[in-house]
């Protein structure tokens, strides 16, 4: 190799044919000039080779057994105290925090443990095609979806696992599951029923029951829109993530399911047919007690119930557009409202009407 040695320059040399025990001899050209200019002898590193017959001044030699490759980081579990050259083989023990599901969820949209690996446990409240839902107790902020196609736990079983916390399109999830274990513990999760607000972030991943909800529309994606009578006819979606039920429009239902979040909406997911019960239909109730209809831009309410009653009119979005009281019969002009579908709530019952 012909190269004028300059400060910091590495020059590599070798031979293409050699046998074990052979001696490698080499000569460094311009050695005297290098010493004269820099006044510093070069350093030669020759790992596991014998140095012999230098045709110049003796070199500082750090070859042979003095170079040991390995992990040089004392914090690594495979630290090699004898290593002089790091070979990027260092291994580290990953410390996994053991936390509850409610700690994973926190009390806001984004988990405080996002992008971290955690260990947790919970009761399997639902099994979906590509994962399952876990819940630690019958309370808000205590459920979570686990994306896991490798393990298929039994409904109602208690499991522990390690996983990464992620926000998948704004839904808190666990993925990359490891150390999955079914525990010999019996715990029952009772669905939440005392809900004073619409389905929201605090119920994400939780098992809930809504009663007296009215089916008002269906789409082509296995989803049905419902109005929650007890919450000022707020609308929500029931989807077919786990179980597909054929809902009858304008009927009243009791539905149990887990809450998931997709396409910017919270949705209720029943698990099987036992989670869905049809109550007395709205049509039957209104036929016996109250009739609601729109005729020539006039909202008509006729009730057989004695006394003053409250009524409210909601847009399909859940916004209240009209409200008031009536005694037995009401004829109210609604020409100011757009032609659309509306929900009319009389007492504790809701009926859908169409203004056109």
Protein backbone atom coordinates (compact mmCIF):
# COMPACT_ATOMS: atom_id res chain seq x y z
CA UNK A 1 0.00 0.00 0.00
CA UNK A 2 1.55 3.30 -1.08
CA UNK A 3 0.19 6.18 0.96
CA UNK A 4 1.89 9.17 2.51
CA UNK A 5 1.08 9.00 6.20
CA UNK A 6 -0.80 12.02 7.52
CA UNK A 7 -2.26 12.63 10.94
CA UNK A 8 -5.32 10.43 11.53
CA UNK A 9 -4.98 8.41 8.31
CA UNK A 10 -5.78 4.68 8.48
CA UNK A 11 -3.88 2.42 6.08
CA UNK A 12 -4.99 -1.21 5.77
CA UNK A 13 -2.80 -4.03 4.49
CA UNK A 14 -3.08 -7.79 4.30
CA UNK A 15 -2.22 -10.88 2.30
CA UNK A 16 -4.42 -13.09 0.14
CA UNK A 17 -2.57 -16.36 0.77
CA UNK A 18 -1.40 -17.43 4.19
CA UNK A 19 -1.33 -20.42 6.50
CA UNK A 20 -1.78 -20.61 10.23
CA UNK A 21 1.43 -19.51 11.97
CA UNK A 22 2.84 -17.59 8.98
CA UNK A 23 4.67 -14.36 9.68
CA UNK A 24 3.47 -11.11 8.15
CA UNK A 25 6.31 -8.64 7.53
CA UNK A 26 5.76 -5.16 6.12
CA UNK A 27 7.64 -1.95 5.49
CA UNK A 28 6.29 1.56 5.99
CA UNK A 29 7.57 3.94 3.37
CA UNK A 30 8.48 7.50 4.37
CA UNK A 31 8.72 6.48 8.01
CA UNK A 32 11.70 8.77 8.66
CA UNK A 33 9.94 11.67 6.93
CA UNK A 34 6.87 11.14 9.09
CA UNK A 35 8.91 11.24 12.29
CA UNK A 36 10.76 14.33 11.10
CA UNK A 37 7.60 16.23 10.22
CA UNK A 38 5.27 15.17 13.03
CA UNK A 39 7.78 14.13 15.66
CA UNK A 40 5.34 11.37 16.62
CA UNK A 41 5.78 7.71 15.68
CA UNK A 42 2.78 6.05 14.06
CA UNK A 43 0.78 3.46 15.98
CA UNK A 44 0.16 0.10 14.37
CA UNK A 45 -2.86 -2.03 15.38
CA UNK A 46 -2.54 -5.63 14.23
CA UNK A 47 -5.13 -7.88 15.89
CA UNK A 48 -4.10 -11.50 16.34
CA UNK A 49 -1.01 -11.28 14.08
CA UNK A 50 2.71 -11.47 14.70
CA UNK A 51 4.84 -8.37 13.96
CA UNK A 52 8.34 -9.11 12.64
CA UNK A 53 11.18 -7.53 10.62
CA UNK A 54 10.22 -3.86 10.61
CA UNK A 55 12.71 -2.06 8.39
CA UNK A 56 12.53 1.06 10.53
CA UNK A 57 12.23 2.16 14.13
CA UNK A 58 10.22 -0.11 16.43
CA UNK A 59 6.52 0.70 16.55
CA UNK A 60 4.13 0.87 19.48
CA UNK A 61 2.21 -2.38 19.10
CA UNK A 62 -1.34 -3.00 20.30
CA UNK A 63 -2.07 -6.12 18.35
CA UNK A 64 -2.61 -9.74 19.25
CA UNK A 65 -4.42 -10.56 22.48
CA UNK A 66 -4.45 -6.96 23.67
CA UNK A 67 -7.49 -6.16 21.45
CA UNK A 68 -10.65 -7.77 22.82
CA UNK A 69 -13.96 -7.20 21.10
CA UNK A 70 -17.15 -7.15 23.17
CA UNK A 71 -19.60 -4.95 25.06
CA UNK A 72 -17.88 -2.06 26.81
CA UNK A 73 -20.97 -0.53 28.48
CA UNK A 74 -20.96 -1.34 32.19
CA UNK A 75 -24.75 -0.81 32.31
CA UNK A 76 -25.38 -3.69 29.90
CA UNK A 77 -26.22 -7.17 31.15
CA UNK A 78 -23.48 -8.68 28.91
CA UNK A 79 -20.79 -6.16 29.87
CA UNK A 80 -17.26 -7.48 29.22
CA UNK A 81 -14.72 -5.85 31.52
CA UNK A 82 -11.87 -7.19 29.36
CA UNK A 83 -13.21 -5.72 26.12
CA UNK A 84 -11.22 -2.90 24.52
CA UNK A 85 -13.25 -2.54 21.32
CA UNK A 86 -17.06 -2.29 21.42
CA UNK A 87 -18.68 -4.61 18.86
CA UNK A 88 -22.26 -3.26 19.27
CA UNK A 89 -23.36 -6.44 21.06
CA UNK A 90 -24.57 -4.79 24.27
CA UNK A 91 -27.83 -6.14 25.69
CA UNK A 92 -30.00 -4.32 28.20
CA UNK A 93 -32.68 -5.49 30.57
CA UNK A 94 -36.01 -3.83 29.77
CA UNK A 95 -37.80 -2.69 32.92
CA UNK A 96 -41.56 -3.05 32.39
CA UNK A 97 -43.86 -0.97 34.57
CA UNK A 98 -46.74 -2.89 36.16
CA UNK A 99 -49.79 -0.65 35.99
CA UNK A 100 -53.57 -0.91 36.16
CA UNK A 101 -55.81 -0.41 33.14
CA UNK A 102 -57.20 2.78 34.68
CA UNK A 103 -53.64 4.09 34.96
CA UNK A 104 -53.08 3.23 31.29
CA UNK A 105 -56.24 5.10 30.27
CA UNK A 106 -55.60 8.08 32.52
CA UNK A 107 -58.32 10.71 32.45
CA UNK A 108 -57.74 12.27 29.04
CA UNK A 109 -57.77 11.34 25.35
CA UNK A 110 -54.11 10.25 25.20
CA UNK A 111 -52.71 7.60 27.55
CA UNK A 112 -49.95 8.81 29.89
CA UNK A 113 -48.12 5.57 28.99
CA UNK A 114 -48.29 5.97 25.20
CA UNK A 115 -45.26 4.44 23.40
CA UNK A 116 -44.22 2.58 26.56
CA UNK A 117 -44.22 -1.14 27.37
CA UNK A 118 -46.36 -2.04 30.38
CA UNK A 119 -47.56 -5.07 32.32
CA UNK A 120 -51.22 -5.21 33.30
CA UNK A 121 -54.13 -7.55 33.96
CA UNK A 122 -57.89 -7.59 33.60
CA UNK A 123 -61.06 -9.55 32.94
CA UNK A 124 -61.90 -10.40 29.33
CA UNK A 125 -65.24 -8.67 28.69
CA UNK A 126 -65.40 -9.26 24.91
CA UNK A 127 -63.52 -11.22 22.24
CA UNK A 128 -63.26 -9.57 18.81
CA UNK A 129 -61.90 -10.98 15.51
CA UNK A 130 -58.43 -9.46 16.01
CA UNK A 131 -58.23 -8.99 19.76
CA UNK A 132 -60.19 -8.64 22.97
CA UNK A 133 -61.32 -6.13 25.59
CA UNK A 134 -59.99 -6.13 29.16
CA UNK A 135 -61.50 -4.39 32.17
CA UNK A 136 -60.23 -4.22 35.74
CA UNK A 137 -63.39 -3.11 37.55
CA UNK A 138 -66.96 -1.92 36.95
CA UNK A 139 -66.03 1.74 36.65
CA UNK A 140 -65.25 4.35 34.03
CA UNK A 141 -61.68 4.64 32.66
CA UNK A 142 -61.05 0.96 33.46
CA UNK A 143 -61.39 -0.79 30.08
CA UNK A 144 -59.02 -1.19 27.13
CA UNK A 145 -58.85 -2.95 23.77
CA UNK A 146 -55.97 -5.39 23.16
CA UNK A 147 -54.91 -5.92 19.54
CA UNK A 148 -53.74 -9.55 19.63
CA UNK A 149 -54.37 -12.23 16.99
CA UNK A 150 -52.11 -14.81 18.69
CA UNK A 151 -54.02 -15.33 21.94
CA UNK A 152 -57.76 -16.05 22.09
CA UNK A 153 -58.84 -15.88 25.75
CA UNK A 154 -62.18 -17.09 27.07
CA UNK A 155 -64.88 -14.55 27.85
CA UNK A 156 -64.85 -13.81 31.57
CA UNK A 157 -61.32 -15.09 32.21
CA UNK A 158 -58.69 -13.05 34.05
CA UNK A 159 -55.44 -12.60 32.12
CA UNK A 160 -52.13 -10.82 32.60
CA UNK A 161 -49.80 -9.66 29.84
CA UNK A 162 -47.11 -7.27 28.68
CA UNK A 163 -47.77 -4.98 25.73
CA UNK A 164 -47.00 -1.65 24.10
CA UNK A 165 -49.42 1.23 24.67
CA UNK A 166 -50.43 2.98 21.45
CA UNK A 167 -53.00 5.50 20.26
CA UNK A 168 -54.54 3.93 17.15
CA UNK A 169 -56.56 6.63 15.41
CA UNK A 170 -57.18 8.23 18.83
CA UNK A 171 -58.23 4.98 20.53
CA UNK A 172 -55.98 3.76 23.34
CA UNK A 173 -54.88 0.18 22.60
CA UNK A 174 -52.40 -2.46 23.72
CA UNK A 175 -50.38 -4.28 21.03
CA UNK A 176 -47.25 -6.45 20.61
CA UNK A 177 -48.44 -8.71 23.41
CA UNK A 178 -45.98 -10.95 25.29
CA UNK A 179 -45.99 -12.98 28.52
CA UNK A 180 -49.71 -13.70 28.10
CA UNK A 181 -51.02 -15.73 31.05
CA UNK A 182 -54.49 -16.89 32.08
CA UNK A 183 -54.84 -16.45 35.84
CA UNK A 184 -56.78 -18.72 38.18
CA UNK A 185 -58.84 -15.83 39.53
CA UNK A 186 -62.60 -15.39 39.34
CA UNK A 187 -63.81 -11.81 38.91
CA UNK A 188 -67.12 -10.62 37.45
CA UNK A 189 -67.40 -7.31 35.62
CA UNK A 190 -70.90 -5.84 35.87
CA UNK A 191 -71.90 -3.58 32.96
CA UNK A 192 -72.10 0.11 33.78
CA UNK A 193 -75.73 1.26 33.70
CA UNK A 194 -75.91 4.53 35.64
CA UNK A 195 -74.75 6.76 32.80
CA UNK A 196 -75.46 10.47 33.20
CA UNK A 197 -73.68 11.56 30.01
CA UNK A 198 -73.39 10.39 26.38
CA UNK A 199 -70.87 7.68 25.46
CA UNK A 200 -67.47 9.37 25.64
CA UNK A 201 -63.76 8.90 26.34
CA UNK A 202 -64.25 7.72 29.93
CA UNK A 203 -66.21 4.67 28.69
CA UNK A 204 -63.72 3.66 25.98
CA UNK A 205 -63.10 -0.09 26.29
CA UNK A 206 -65.74 -0.49 29.03
CA UNK A 207 -68.75 -2.82 29.21
CA UNK A 208 -72.00 -0.84 29.49
CA UNK A 209 -75.77 -1.34 29.21
CA UNK A 210 -78.15 1.20 27.68
CA UNK A 211 -81.88 0.71 28.13
CA UNK A 212 -84.82 2.29 26.34
CA UNK A 213 -82.77 3.36 23.32
CA UNK A 214 -84.66 3.83 20.07
CA UNK A 215 -83.45 2.58 16.68
CA UNK A 216 -83.79 5.37 14.11
CA UNK A 217 -81.60 4.41 11.13
CA UNK A 218 -79.21 1.81 9.67
CA UNK A 219 -76.44 2.00 7.07
CA UNK A 220 -74.63 -0.39 4.73
CA UNK A 221 -71.67 -0.87 7.08
CA UNK A 222 -73.37 -2.98 9.74
CA UNK A 223 -74.10 0.03 11.91
CA UNK A 224 -77.35 1.33 13.38
CA UNK A 225 -78.02 4.78 14.81
CA UNK A 226 -79.90 4.98 18.10
CA UNK A 227 -81.39 7.76 20.19
CA UNK A 228 -80.82 7.60 23.93
CA UNK A 229 -84.15 8.63 25.46
CA UNK A 230 -82.72 9.11 28.94
CA UNK A 231 -80.07 11.56 27.67
CA UNK A 232 -82.18 14.08 25.76
CA UNK A 233 -82.30 11.80 22.70
CA UNK A 234 -78.53 11.95 22.16
CA UNK A 235 -77.65 9.71 19.24
CA UNK A 236 -75.00 6.99 19.20
CA UNK A 237 -73.98 4.12 16.92
CA UNK A 238 -74.18 0.37 17.47
CA UNK A 239 -71.80 -1.53 15.19
CA UNK A 240 -71.10 -5.13 14.18
CA UNK A 241 -67.46 -5.43 15.26
CA UNK A 242 -68.30 -8.61 17.21
CA UNK A 243 -71.98 -9.39 16.56
CA UNK A 244 -74.36 -8.25 13.84
CA UNK A 245 -77.98 -7.76 14.91
CA UNK A 246 -80.85 -6.84 12.61
CA UNK A 247 -82.45 -3.91 14.39
CA UNK A 248 -86.00 -2.85 13.59
CA UNK A 249 -86.39 0.86 13.00
CA UNK A 250 -88.41 2.79 15.61
CA UNK A 251 -88.22 -0.08 18.09
CA UNK A 252 -86.96 0.36 21.64
CA UNK A 253 -84.07 -1.81 22.88
CA UNK A 254 -81.85 -2.62 25.80
CA UNK A 255 -78.28 -3.17 24.56
CA UNK A 256 -75.17 -4.36 26.39
CA UNK A 257 -71.75 -4.10 24.79
CA UNK A 258 -68.22 -2.75 24.90
CA UNK A 259 -67.34 0.75 23.72
CA UNK A 260 -64.88 1.24 20.88
CA UNK A 261 -63.78 4.32 18.94
CA UNK A 262 -63.46 4.48 15.17
CA UNK A 263 -63.98 7.04 12.42
CA UNK A 264 -64.21 9.82 15.01
CA UNK A 265 -67.15 8.27 16.87
CA UNK A 266 -67.66 6.17 19.99
CA UNK A 267 -69.65 3.03 19.19
CA UNK A 268 -71.36 0.32 21.23
CA UNK A 269 -70.49 -3.28 20.29
CA UNK A 270 -72.86 -6.03 21.48
CA UNK A 271 -71.14 -9.41 21.83
CA UNK A 272 -73.95 -11.86 20.98
CA UNK A 273 -77.74 -12.14 20.76
CA UNK A 274 -78.11 -12.18 24.54
CA UNK A 275 -76.80 -8.61 24.67
CA UNK A 276 -79.78 -7.28 22.70
CA UNK A 277 -83.37 -7.19 24.00
CA UNK A 278 -86.32 -5.54 22.28
CA UNK A 279 -88.55 -3.62 24.65
CA UNK A 280 -92.13 -2.47 24.05
CA UNK A 281 -92.01 -0.68 20.72
CA UNK A 282 -92.37 3.07 20.45
CA UNK A 283 -95.17 2.53 17.93
CA UNK A 284 -97.15 0.49 20.46
CA UNK A 285 -96.68 3.06 23.18
CA UNK A 286 -97.65 5.99 20.98
CA UNK A 287 -100.59 4.08 19.50
CA UNK A 288 -102.00 3.53 22.98
CA UNK A 289 -101.14 6.87 24.59
CA UNK A 290 -99.65 9.49 22.30
CA UNK A 291 -99.58 10.16 18.57
CA UNK A 292 -97.01 12.41 16.95
CA UNK A 293 -97.09 13.50 13.31
CA UNK A 294 -96.26 16.42 11.02
CA UNK A 295 -98.90 17.72 8.64
CA UNK A 296 -98.46 20.82 6.42
CA UNK A 297 -95.48 22.08 8.47
CA UNK A 298 -97.40 21.70 11.71
CA UNK A 299 -96.22 19.39 14.48
CA UNK A 300 -99.19 17.62 16.02
CA UNK A 301 -99.11 15.78 19.34
CA UNK A 302 -102.25 14.08 20.63
CA UNK A 303 -102.05 12.34 24.00
CA UNK A 304 -104.56 10.29 25.97
CA UNK A 305 -102.63 10.97 29.17
CA UNK A 306 -104.28 13.50 31.47
CA UNK A 307 -102.39 16.55 32.64
CA UNK A 308 -99.58 18.77 31.42
CA UNK A 309 -96.68 17.01 29.69
CA UNK A 310 -93.26 18.14 28.51
CA UNK A 311 -92.18 17.75 24.90
CA UNK A 312 -88.84 18.25 23.15
CA UNK A 313 -87.85 18.14 19.49
CA UNK A 314 -84.31 17.12 18.52
CA UNK A 315 -82.45 17.19 15.24
CA UNK A 316 -80.90 13.87 14.26
CA UNK A 317 -77.54 15.26 15.45
CA UNK A 318 -78.94 15.47 18.99
CA UNK A 319 -79.39 19.26 19.05
CA UNK A 320 -82.60 20.36 20.75
CA UNK A 321 -84.50 22.67 18.41
CA UNK A 322 -87.90 23.02 20.16
CA UNK A 323 -89.34 22.35 23.60
CA UNK A 324 -92.33 23.24 25.74
CA UNK A 325 -95.44 21.87 27.41
CA UNK A 326 -98.91 20.84 26.30
CA UNK A 327 -102.09 19.50 27.86
CA UNK A 328 -103.70 16.72 25.85
CA UNK A 329 -103.12 18.17 22.38
CA UNK A 330 -100.59 20.38 20.59
CA UNK A 331 -100.47 21.92 17.12
CA UNK A 332 -97.19 23.79 16.64
CA UNK A 333 -96.02 25.45 13.38
CA UNK A 334 -92.55 24.18 12.41
CA UNK A 335 -92.07 25.90 9.06
CA UNK A 336 -88.85 27.41 10.41
CA UNK A 337 -87.26 23.95 10.59
CA UNK A 338 -85.41 22.42 7.66
CA UNK A 339 -86.93 19.42 5.92
CA UNK A 340 -85.31 16.52 7.74
CA UNK A 341 -85.80 13.72 10.26
CA UNK A 342 -86.54 14.80 13.84
CA UNK A 343 -86.97 13.03 17.16
CA UNK A 344 -89.91 14.08 19.29
CA UNK A 345 -89.64 13.23 22.97
CA UNK A 346 -92.86 13.18 25.01
CA UNK A 347 -92.36 12.21 28.62
CA UNK A 348 -89.99 9.24 28.53
CA UNK A 349 -90.78 8.13 25.00
CA UNK A 350 -89.35 9.11 21.62
CA UNK A 351 -90.86 8.96 18.15
CA UNK A 352 -89.23 9.76 14.83
CA UNK A 353 -91.04 12.15 12.48
CA UNK A 354 -90.14 13.41 9.03
CA UNK A 355 -90.71 17.00 7.97
CA UNK A 356 -90.83 17.50 4.21
